[in-house]
Amino acid sequence: MKNQEQLHRGLGQRQIEMIAIGGCIGTGLFMGSGKTISVAGPAVILVYAITGLMLYFVMRAMGELLLHNLEYKSFVDFSEDILGPQAGFFVGWSYWLAWIVAAIAEIIAITGYASFWWPELSPWISAMATIFVLTSINLLTVKAFGELEFWLAIVKVIAIVGLIVVGLWLSVTGFVSPDGTKASVANLWTHNGFFPNGFAGVMAGLQTTIFAFAGMEIIGTMMAEAKDPKKMIPDAIRKIPWRILIFYIGTVTVMMMVTPWVDISPEHSPFVGMFSLVGLASAASLINFVVASSATSSSNSGIFATSRMLYGLAQSHKAPAIFGKLSSHQIPAGGVFLATLLMFFVSVILTAVDSMMEAFQMVGAVAALIFIFIWTMIIWAHLVYQRRYPEAHAHSVFKMPMSKMMPYVVLAFFLLVIYALSLDDVTRIALYLLPGWFALLAICYRLKLR
């Protein structure tokens, strides 16, 4: 393996844009929205809107900090610089773990999608095949990775826009499915109202919604491989509200117009279910392919993020030096192999639980909590930055809006989400596991100092 000193700036504007979109559209939406809708009803629209708004401000904080010093390659760098070396150590390794766990959740989803076509296929076979393909892809050049992610994101965008158009057409024409269900805007409030399960339903909806937005911050790991980060990062972040409005709020609204929320199964993808319900079997198969490719894309992004994070940790002597070496394609291959090796353990999870959705929810909750920690550290770093560098903040080229108030609003929202995760037996397991992870990191950090 040839050791190169620098990652290659091979990601162009269109690739950064589409990877950012891919980070916003994942299995948490395609698969997890069924669970969210089943507990929150039409109020899921509000849940997605509020969650998206809070994370938009996290991304604005991250963007301002990254552009404050172009030597920062990711949020780990500014966490270490602003909050201290221990914060950088905790953020870097936690983000690495978050994407490992998130990628496992995506693999679980892929096995569920595969069963749509091959019900008798053992889950571990589709999981292992996917992991093998992803390993091969991530050993290519970063330009090849960006190109693949570009086209996978294009598939997601076309599919979602197509779903919205078809759903609106079915609702306007008053389409009646074979079981007598009529598509109508009125389905948003005629089945026990807009808040059918009250505040408890909204809180339950937060449990799965937060994972749907995990990955939005991935653009903050691309500073070292973006051709023009000073222009590309702000452009990608500014478009986040439109992506949330179209891809999240638009899709779930249309789905509940076509299929009343009471008929949406929490165990399966509502995207596939919508077309199956209206009798469009071929379209259902096509949408299943789309959501499967989306999960593959998200897993692919996870391996990318973990390998780059591990490379950065090794470069700053927070991880074994072998992970700081690059292949002849300027890829941190050691991080790629470690990530995919750990993902092989997904087969154990798949055979340990009876419900695929339960496995997805449990693993997704663990990932969501770690992502909340990462987002919290970004906000904390921005608060310290405001106090330490008031002039830089005042004259920032990409200043966070309402920066005096919104960081505290976002932190309060994260506390609310953590409380929501504590209300469910499955997601509560994640809360028990996280302290153990931080204790392990604390031990490793003390050993590193010695």
Protein backbone atom coordinates (compact mmCIF):
# COMPACT_ATOMS: atom_id res chain seq x y z
CA MET A 1 0.00 0.00 0.00
CA LYS A 2 1.46 3.31 -1.06
CA ASN A 3 1.38 5.95 1.61
CA GLN A 4 0.24 9.33 0.28
CA GLU A 5 0.13 12.34 2.58
CA GLN A 6 -3.06 13.98 1.37
CA LEU A 7 -6.55 12.95 0.35
CA HIS A 8 -7.38 13.88 -3.23
CA ARG A 9 -9.75 16.80 -3.94
CA GLY A 10 -11.80 14.83 -6.42
CA LEU A 11 -15.37 15.81 -5.49
CA GLY A 12 -17.00 18.39 -7.77
CA GLN A 13 -20.01 20.65 -7.19
CA ARG A 14 -22.66 18.30 -8.59
CA GLN A 15 -21.23 15.37 -6.62
CA ILE A 16 -21.15 17.34 -3.36
CA GLU A 17 -24.75 18.45 -4.01
CA MET A 18 -25.98 14.92 -4.61
CA ILE A 19 -24.05 13.40 -1.73
CA ALA A 20 -25.65 16.08 0.46
CA ILE A 21 -29.05 15.08 -0.88
CA GLY A 22 -28.21 11.42 -0.31
CA GLY A 23 -27.32 12.30 3.27
CA CYS A 24 -30.79 13.80 3.68
CA ILE A 25 -32.63 10.84 2.13
CA GLY A 26 -32.00 7.52 3.78
CA THR A 27 -33.64 4.38 5.04
CA GLY A 28 -34.91 6.25 8.07
CA LEU A 29 -37.34 7.89 5.65
CA PHE A 30 -37.96 5.02 3.24
CA MET A 31 -38.42 2.30 5.88
CA GLY A 32 -38.72 4.08 9.24
CA SER A 33 -41.49 6.46 8.13
CA GLY A 34 -43.97 3.57 8.29
CA LYS A 35 -43.33 3.20 12.02
CA THR A 36 -43.42 6.99 12.51
CA ILE A 37 -46.72 7.38 10.67
CA SER A 38 -48.30 4.48 12.56
CA VAL A 39 -47.66 6.13 15.94
CA ALA A 40 -47.98 9.84 15.12
CA GLY A 41 -50.55 9.80 12.31
CA PRO A 42 -50.69 12.94 10.12
CA ALA A 43 -48.84 14.79 12.90
CA VAL A 44 -45.71 13.19 11.45
CA ILE A 45 -45.69 16.16 9.05
CA LEU A 46 -45.11 18.48 12.00
CA VAL A 47 -42.53 16.11 13.51
CA TYR A 48 -40.48 16.08 10.31
CA ALA A 49 -40.77 19.87 9.93
CA ILE A 50 -39.57 20.64 13.47
CA THR A 51 -36.76 18.06 13.38
CA GLY A 52 -35.60 19.31 9.99
CA LEU A 53 -35.62 22.92 11.18
CA MET A 54 -33.52 22.09 14.25
CA LEU A 55 -30.95 20.20 12.21
CA TYR A 56 -30.77 22.97 9.63
CA PHE A 57 -29.47 25.25 12.38
CA VAL A 58 -26.94 22.57 13.38
CA MET A 59 -25.72 22.51 9.78
CA ARG A 60 -25.48 26.30 9.70
CA ALA A 61 -23.38 26.22 12.88
CA MET A 62 -21.16 23.55 11.36
CA GLY A 63 -20.80 25.48 8.10
CA GLU A 64 -19.76 28.68 9.86
CA LEU A 65 -17.15 26.87 11.94
CA LEU A 66 -15.67 25.00 8.96
CA LEU A 67 -15.31 28.22 6.99
CA HIS A 68 -13.88 30.06 10.00
CA ASN A 69 -10.65 28.16 9.41
CA LEU A 70 -10.13 26.38 6.08
CA GLU A 71 -7.49 24.22 7.76
CA TYR A 72 -10.36 22.35 9.43
CA LYS A 73 -11.01 19.14 7.50
CA SER A 74 -14.10 18.16 9.48
CA PHE A 75 -16.07 18.95 12.64
CA VAL A 76 -13.57 16.83 14.58
CA ASP A 77 -10.91 19.43 13.85
CA PHE A 78 -12.90 22.38 15.12
CA SER A 79 -14.14 20.35 18.11
CA GLU A 80 -10.53 19.70 19.10
CA ASP A 81 -9.40 23.25 18.40
CA ILE A 82 -12.29 24.98 20.17
CA LEU A 83 -13.33 22.50 22.87
CA GLY A 84 -10.05 20.70 23.50
CA PRO A 85 -8.24 17.48 22.46
CA GLN A 86 -10.49 15.21 24.52
CA ALA A 87 -13.58 16.59 22.74
CA GLY A 88 -11.95 15.90 19.37
CA PHE A 89 -11.14 12.35 20.48
CA PHE A 90 -14.71 11.70 21.65
CA VAL A 91 -16.34 13.30 18.58
CA GLY A 92 -14.10 11.51 16.08
CA TRP A 93 -14.49 8.03 17.51
CA SER A 94 -18.21 8.52 18.22
CA TYR A 95 -18.85 9.61 14.65
CA TRP A 96 -16.94 6.59 13.43
CA LEU A 97 -19.14 4.31 15.57
CA ALA A 98 -22.32 6.17 14.57
CA TRP A 99 -21.78 5.41 10.91
CA ILE A 100 -20.80 1.80 11.58
CA VAL A 101 -24.08 1.32 13.46
CA ALA A 102 -26.05 3.32 10.87
CA ALA A 103 -24.59 1.22 8.06
CA ILE A 104 -25.64 -1.93 9.91
CA ALA A 105 -29.17 -0.51 10.18
CA GLU A 106 -29.13 0.09 6.42
CA ILE A 107 -27.98 -3.50 5.80
CA ILE A 108 -30.87 -4.74 7.93
CA ALA A 109 -33.21 -2.67 5.76
CA ILE A 110 -31.67 -4.08 2.58
CA THR A 111 -32.38 -7.63 3.72
CA GLY A 112 -35.99 -6.60 4.29
CA TYR A 113 -36.23 -5.16 0.79
CA ALA A 114 -34.62 -8.28 -0.69
CA SER A 115 -37.35 -10.42 0.90
CA PHE A 116 -39.90 -8.52 -1.23
CA TRP A 117 -38.52 -10.35 -4.29
CA TRP A 118 -37.06 -13.48 -2.65
CA PRO A 119 -39.12 -14.32 0.47
CA GLU A 120 -37.24 -17.59 1.02
CA LEU A 121 -33.76 -16.03 0.83
CA SER A 122 -31.88 -16.11 4.13
CA PRO A 123 -31.22 -12.55 5.38
CA TRP A 124 -27.51 -13.16 5.93
CA ILE A 125 -26.98 -13.99 2.24
CA SER A 126 -28.28 -10.64 0.99
CA ALA A 127 -26.40 -8.89 3.82
CA MET A 128 -23.07 -10.51 2.96
CA ALA A 129 -23.51 -9.87 -0.78
CA THR A 130 -24.21 -6.18 -0.12
CA ILE A 131 -21.20 -5.81 2.16
CA PHE A 132 -18.93 -7.40 -0.46
CA VAL A 133 -20.14 -4.99 -3.16
CA LEU A 134 -19.76 -1.96 -0.87
CA THR A 135 -16.20 -2.95 0.04
CA SER A 136 -15.27 -3.10 -3.63
CA ILE A 137 -16.87 0.29 -4.37
CA ASN A 138 -15.11 2.07 -1.52
CA LEU A 139 -11.68 0.89 -2.66
CA LEU A 140 -12.07 2.88 -5.89
CA THR A 141 -10.95 6.49 -6.29
CA VAL A 142 -12.93 9.19 -4.49
CA LYS A 143 -14.03 10.50 -7.89
CA ALA A 144 -15.53 7.10 -8.69
CA PHE A 145 -17.24 7.03 -5.29
CA GLY A 146 -18.64 10.52 -5.88
CA GLU A 147 -19.89 9.55 -9.33
CA LEU A 148 -21.65 6.45 -7.99
CA GLU A 149 -23.26 8.43 -5.17
CA PHE A 150 -24.32 11.06 -7.70
CA TRP A 151 -26.30 8.54 -9.74
CA LEU A 152 -27.72 6.74 -6.71
CA ALA A 153 -28.94 10.09 -5.40
CA ILE A 154 -30.43 10.86 -8.83
CA VAL A 155 -32.43 7.62 -8.56
CA LYS A 156 -33.74 8.70 -5.13
CA VAL A 157 -34.72 12.16 -6.36
CA ILE A 158 -36.51 10.88 -9.49
CA ALA A 159 -38.33 8.22 -7.47
CA ILE A 160 -39.53 10.65 -4.79
CA VAL A 161 -40.61 13.30 -7.29
CA GLY A 162 -42.39 10.57 -9.27
CA LEU A 163 -44.10 9.29 -6.12
CA ILE A 164 -45.30 12.79 -5.24
CA VAL A 165 -46.63 13.41 -8.75
CA VAL A 166 -48.42 10.03 -8.89
CA GLY A 167 -49.78 10.48 -5.37
CA LEU A 168 -51.15 13.94 -6.16
CA TRP A 169 -52.74 12.62 -9.36
CA LEU A 170 -54.39 9.74 -7.48
CA SER A 171 -55.71 12.17 -4.85
CA VAL A 172 -57.03 14.72 -7.35
CA THR A 173 -58.78 12.05 -9.43
CA GLY A 174 -60.21 10.35 -6.34
CA PHE A 175 -58.61 6.99 -7.13
CA VAL A 176 -60.21 4.04 -5.32
CA SER A 177 -57.97 1.06 -4.58
CA PRO A 178 -59.19 -2.57 -4.90
CA ASP A 179 -59.98 -2.68 -1.16
CA GLY A 180 -62.22 0.40 -1.43
CA THR A 181 -59.77 3.01 -0.10
CA LYS A 182 -60.25 6.40 -1.74
CA ALA A 183 -57.26 8.70 -2.25
CA SER A 184 -58.08 12.17 -0.92
CA VAL A 185 -56.55 15.15 0.87
CA ALA A 186 -59.24 14.57 3.51
CA ASN A 187 -57.40 11.42 4.62
CA LEU A 188 -55.08 13.77 6.52
CA TRP A 189 -57.76 14.64 9.07
CA THR A 190 -60.78 12.34 8.70
CA HIS A 191 -59.25 9.43 10.62
CA ASN A 192 -59.35 10.71 14.21
CA GLY A 193 -57.95 14.12 13.30
CA PHE A 194 -54.48 15.52 12.57
CA PHE A 195 -53.21 14.52 16.06
CA PRO A 196 -54.92 11.10 16.45
CA ASN A 197 -52.63 10.00 19.28
CA GLY A 198 -52.06 13.40 20.84
CA PHE A 199 -48.74 14.52 22.29
CA ALA A 200 -47.81 10.92 23.10
CA GLY A 201 -47.98 10.10 19.39
CA VAL A 202 -45.73 13.03 18.53
CA MET A 203 -43.18 11.90 21.13
CA ALA A 204 -43.28 8.35 19.78
CA GLY A 205 -42.78 9.72 16.28
CA LEU A 206 -39.59 11.48 17.35
CA GLN A 207 -38.02 8.10 18.17
CA THR A 208 -37.68 7.07 14.53
CA THR A 209 -37.70 10.51 12.90
CA ILE A 210 -34.35 11.52 14.34
CA PHE A 211 -32.60 8.61 12.62
CA ALA A 212 -34.16 9.62 9.31
CA PHE A 213 -32.07 12.81 9.40
CA ALA A 214 -28.82 11.11 10.41
CA GLY A 215 -26.18 11.67 7.75
CA MET A 216 -27.07 15.27 6.98
CA GLU A 217 -23.77 16.34 8.51
CA ILE A 218 -21.72 14.13 6.15
CA ILE A 219 -20.89 17.16 4.02
CA GLY A 220 -18.85 18.32 7.00
CA THR A 221 -16.42 15.42 6.37
CA MET A 222 -15.74 16.40 2.74
CA MET A 223 -13.65 19.54 3.26
CA ALA A 224 -10.44 17.70 2.39
CA GLU A 225 -11.83 16.18 -0.81
CA ALA A 226 -13.99 19.03 -2.14
CA LYS A 227 -12.50 21.05 -5.01
CA ASP A 228 -13.82 24.38 -3.70
CA PRO A 229 -15.10 23.93 -0.11
CA LYS A 230 -15.56 27.67 0.48
CA LYS A 231 -18.28 27.72 -2.20
CA MET A 232 -19.57 24.14 -2.15
CA ILE A 233 -20.26 23.70 1.56
CA PRO A 234 -22.48 26.83 1.94
CA ASP A 235 -24.35 26.03 -1.28
CA ALA A 236 -25.13 22.50 -0.08
CA ILE A 237 -26.27 23.68 3.37
CA ARG A 238 -28.48 26.52 2.07
CA LYS A 239 -30.55 24.04 0.07
CA ILE A 240 -31.34 21.81 3.05
CA PRO A 241 -34.75 23.42 3.87
CA TRP A 242 -36.00 22.78 0.33
CA ARG A 243 -34.86 19.17 0.51
CA ILE A 244 -36.69 18.67 3.79
CA LEU A 245 -39.84 20.29 2.42
CA ILE A 246 -39.89 18.16 -0.72
CA PHE A 247 -38.31 14.87 0.26
CA TYR A 248 -39.66 14.49 3.79
CA ILE A 249 -42.78 16.55 4.24
CA GLY A 250 -43.89 16.18 0.62
CA THR A 251 -43.56 12.40 0.52
CA VAL A 252 -45.23 11.55 3.83
CA THR A 253 -48.07 13.99 3.10
CA VAL A 254 -48.78 12.43 -0.29
CA MET A 255 -48.52 8.89 1.10
CA MET A 256 -51.12 9.62 3.77
CA MET A 257 -53.39 11.25 1.18
CA VAL A 258 -53.34 8.07 -0.93
CA THR A 259 -53.28 5.61 1.97
CA PRO A 260 -54.97 6.61 5.26
CA TRP A 261 -52.42 6.53 8.06
CA VAL A 262 -54.39 3.82 9.87
CA ASP A 263 -53.73 1.46 6.93
CA ILE A 264 -49.96 2.02 6.78
CA SER A 265 -48.03 -0.90 8.23
CA PRO A 266 -45.24 -0.10 10.70
CA GLU A 267 -43.42 -3.29 9.64
CA HIS A 268 -42.89 -2.47 5.97
CA SER A 269 -41.86 0.41 3.75
CA PRO A 270 -44.88 2.67 3.12
CA PHE A 271 -43.35 3.65 -0.22
CA VAL A 272 -43.71 0.09 -1.50
CA GLY A 273 -46.98 -0.39 0.36
CA MET A 274 -48.64 2.61 -1.30
CA PHE A 275 -48.23 1.21 -4.79
CA SER A 276 -49.09 -2.31 -3.68
CA LEU A 277 -52.32 -1.02 -2.11
CA VAL A 278 -53.47 0.68 -5.30
CA GLY A 279 -52.78 -2.47 -7.28
CA LEU A 280 -49.66 -1.30 -9.15
CA ALA A 281 -47.52 -4.38 -8.61
CA SER A 282 -44.85 -3.48 -11.17
CA ALA A 283 -44.56 0.02 -9.71
CA ALA A 284 -44.26 -1.47 -6.23
CA SER A 285 -41.37 -3.61 -7.44
CA LEU A 286 -39.71 -0.55 -8.96
CA ILE A 287 -40.09 1.46 -5.74
CA ASN A 288 -38.66 -1.47 -3.80
CA PHE A 289 -35.63 -1.31 -6.05
CA VAL A 290 -35.34 2.42 -5.38
CA VAL A 291 -35.50 2.07 -1.60
CA ALA A 292 -33.03 -0.83 -1.74
CA SER A 293 -30.62 1.32 -3.77
CA SER A 294 -31.18 4.14 -1.26
CA ALA A 295 -30.17 1.87 1.61
CA THR A 296 -27.13 0.75 -0.40
CA SER A 297 -26.22 4.38 -1.00
CA SER A 298 -26.53 5.20 2.70
CA SER A 299 -24.37 2.22 3.67
CA ASN A 300 -21.87 3.28 1.04
CA SER A 301 -21.79 6.79 2.51
CA GLY A 302 -21.34 5.26 5.96
CA ILE A 303 -18.23 3.38 4.92
CA PHE A 304 -16.91 6.54 3.24
CA ALA A 305 -17.52 8.61 6.38
CA THR A 306 -16.00 6.08 8.80
CA SER A 307 -12.90 5.47 6.69
CA ARG A 308 -12.23 9.22 6.35
CA MET A 309 -12.89 9.82 10.02
CA LEU A 310 -10.52 7.02 11.00
CA TYR A 311 -7.92 8.42 8.60
CA GLY A 312 -8.21 11.83 10.27
CA LEU A 313 -7.95 10.27 13.72
CA ALA A 314 -4.81 8.40 12.70
CA GLN A 315 -3.29 11.53 11.19
CA SER A 316 -3.74 13.32 14.52
CA HIS A 317 -2.42 10.29 16.48
CA LYS A 318 -5.81 9.36 17.95
CA ALA A 319 -5.95 6.00 16.12
CA PRO A 320 -3.36 3.37 15.06
CA ALA A 321 -1.01 4.71 12.37
CA ILE A 322 -1.99 2.01 9.86
CA PHE A 323 -5.34 3.74 9.37
CA GLY A 324 -3.53 6.92 8.33
CA LYS A 325 -2.03 5.29 5.23
CA LEU A 326 -3.55 5.68 1.77
CA SER A 327 -3.73 3.20 -1.08
CA SER A 328 -2.40 3.88 -4.58
CA HIS A 329 -5.87 5.35 -5.33
CA GLN A 330 -5.46 7.69 -2.34
CA ILE A 331 -8.13 5.81 -0.40
CA PRO A 332 -7.81 5.03 3.35
CA ALA A 333 -8.22 1.31 2.66
CA GLY A 334 -7.52 0.27 6.26
CA GLY A 335 -10.61 2.16 7.44
CA VAL A 336 -12.68 0.66 4.64
CA PHE A 337 -11.70 -2.89 5.57
CA LEU A 338 -12.30 -2.33 9.29
CA ALA A 339 -15.75 -0.85 8.65
CA THR A 340 -16.88 -3.67 6.39
CA LEU A 341 -15.43 -6.30 8.74
CA LEU A 342 -17.47 -4.92 11.61
CA MET A 343 -20.54 -4.83 9.41
CA PHE A 344 -20.29 -8.61 9.03
CA PHE A 345 -21.65 -8.79 12.57
CA VAL A 346 -24.98 -7.68 11.11
CA SER A 347 -25.70 -11.35 10.42
CA VAL A 348 -25.71 -11.99 14.17
CA ILE A 349 -28.28 -9.24 14.73
CA LEU A 350 -30.45 -10.47 11.87
CA THR A 351 -30.72 -13.95 13.33
CA ALA A 352 -31.15 -12.78 16.94
CA VAL A 353 -34.51 -11.02 16.58
CA ASP A 354 -37.88 -12.10 15.25
CA SER A 355 -38.88 -8.79 13.67
CA MET A 356 -36.77 -7.07 11.01
CA MET A 357 -38.37 -3.74 11.93
CA GLU A 358 -37.55 -4.27 15.61
CA ALA A 359 -33.90 -4.89 14.71
CA PHE A 360 -33.88 -1.79 12.51
CA GLN A 361 -35.49 0.31 15.24
CA MET A 362 -33.07 -0.86 17.94
CA VAL A 363 -29.93 -0.33 15.86
CA GLY A 364 -31.31 2.94 14.49
CA ALA A 365 -31.89 4.23 18.02
CA VAL A 366 -28.27 3.53 18.98
CA ALA A 367 -27.05 5.39 15.89
CA ALA A 368 -29.50 8.25 16.48
CA LEU A 369 -28.25 8.82 20.03
CA ILE A 370 -24.64 8.99 18.89
CA PHE A 371 -25.59 11.41 16.11
CA ILE A 372 -27.37 13.55 18.71
CA PHE A 373 -24.11 13.64 20.66
CA ILE A 374 -22.23 14.75 17.52
CA TRP A 375 -24.79 17.46 16.71
CA THR A 376 -24.71 18.63 20.34
CA MET A 377 -20.93 18.97 20.22
CA ILE A 378 -21.21 21.03 17.02
CA ILE A 379 -23.64 23.41 18.74
CA TRP A 380 -21.49 23.55 21.87
CA ALA A 381 -18.41 24.35 19.78
CA HIS A 382 -20.33 27.15 18.07
CA LEU A 383 -21.36 28.67 21.42
CA VAL A 384 -17.73 28.66 22.61
CA TYR A 385 -16.62 30.06 19.24
CA GLN A 386 -19.09 32.95 19.59
CA ARG A 387 -17.63 33.88 22.98
CA ARG A 388 -13.99 33.35 22.04
CA TYR A 389 -14.03 34.92 18.58
CA PRO A 390 -16.81 37.55 18.60
CA GLU A 391 -15.24 39.53 15.75
CA ALA A 392 -14.86 36.48 13.52
CA HIS A 393 -18.48 35.53 14.22
CA ALA A 394 -19.75 39.05 13.52
CA HIS A 395 -18.00 39.17 10.14
CA SER A 396 -18.47 35.52 9.13
CA VAL A 397 -19.16 34.92 5.43
CA PHE A 398 -21.64 32.18 6.44
CA LYS A 399 -23.02 33.33 9.77
CA MET A 400 -25.50 31.12 11.61
CA PRO A 401 -28.94 32.82 11.72
CA MET A 402 -30.32 33.74 15.16
CA SER A 403 -27.07 32.51 16.67
CA LYS A 404 -27.74 33.99 20.11
CA MET A 405 -30.95 32.05 20.69
CA MET A 406 -31.16 29.03 18.38
CA PRO A 407 -28.28 26.98 19.84
CA TYR A 408 -30.16 26.76 23.13
CA VAL A 409 -33.45 25.94 21.37
CA VAL A 410 -31.69 23.12 19.49
CA LEU A 411 -30.13 21.74 22.67
CA ALA A 412 -33.54 21.76 24.39
CA PHE A 413 -34.99 19.89 21.41
CA PHE A 414 -32.29 17.21 21.68
CA LEU A 415 -33.16 16.72 25.36
CA LEU A 416 -36.78 16.22 24.30
CA VAL A 417 -35.73 13.59 21.75
CA ILE A 418 -33.66 11.73 24.36
CA TYR A 419 -36.70 11.73 26.65
CA ALA A 420 -38.81 10.36 23.78
CA LEU A 421 -36.31 7.53 23.23
CA SER A 422 -36.60 6.60 26.90
CA LEU A 423 -40.35 5.96 26.56
CA ASP A 424 -40.07 2.86 24.35
CA ASP A 425 -38.71 -0.51 25.51
CA VAL A 426 -36.76 -1.08 22.28
CA THR A 427 -35.20 2.37 21.93
CA ARG A 428 -34.51 2.57 25.67
CA ILE A 429 -31.83 -0.10 25.19
CA ALA A 430 -29.77 2.46 23.30
CA LEU A 431 -29.77 4.77 26.33
CA TYR A 432 -28.28 1.97 28.42
CA LEU A 433 -25.52 1.25 25.90
CA LEU A 434 -24.28 4.80 25.33
CA PRO A 435 -22.72 5.39 28.79
CA GLY A 436 -20.67 2.22 28.28
CA TRP A 437 -19.31 3.60 25.01
CA PHE A 438 -18.29 6.89 26.61
CA ALA A 439 -16.67 5.04 29.51
CA LEU A 440 -14.64 2.99 27.01
CA LEU A 441 -13.58 6.18 25.21
CA ALA A 442 -12.53 7.77 28.50
CA ILE A 443 -10.35 4.75 29.33
CA CYS A 444 -8.79 4.75 25.84
CA TYR A 445 -8.07 8.47 26.06
CA ARG A 446 -6.29 8.10 29.41
CA LEU A 447 -4.24 5.23 28.00
CA LYS A 448 -3.36 7.38 25.00
CA LEU A 449 -2.11 10.17 27.29
CA ARG A 450 0.12 7.71 29.11
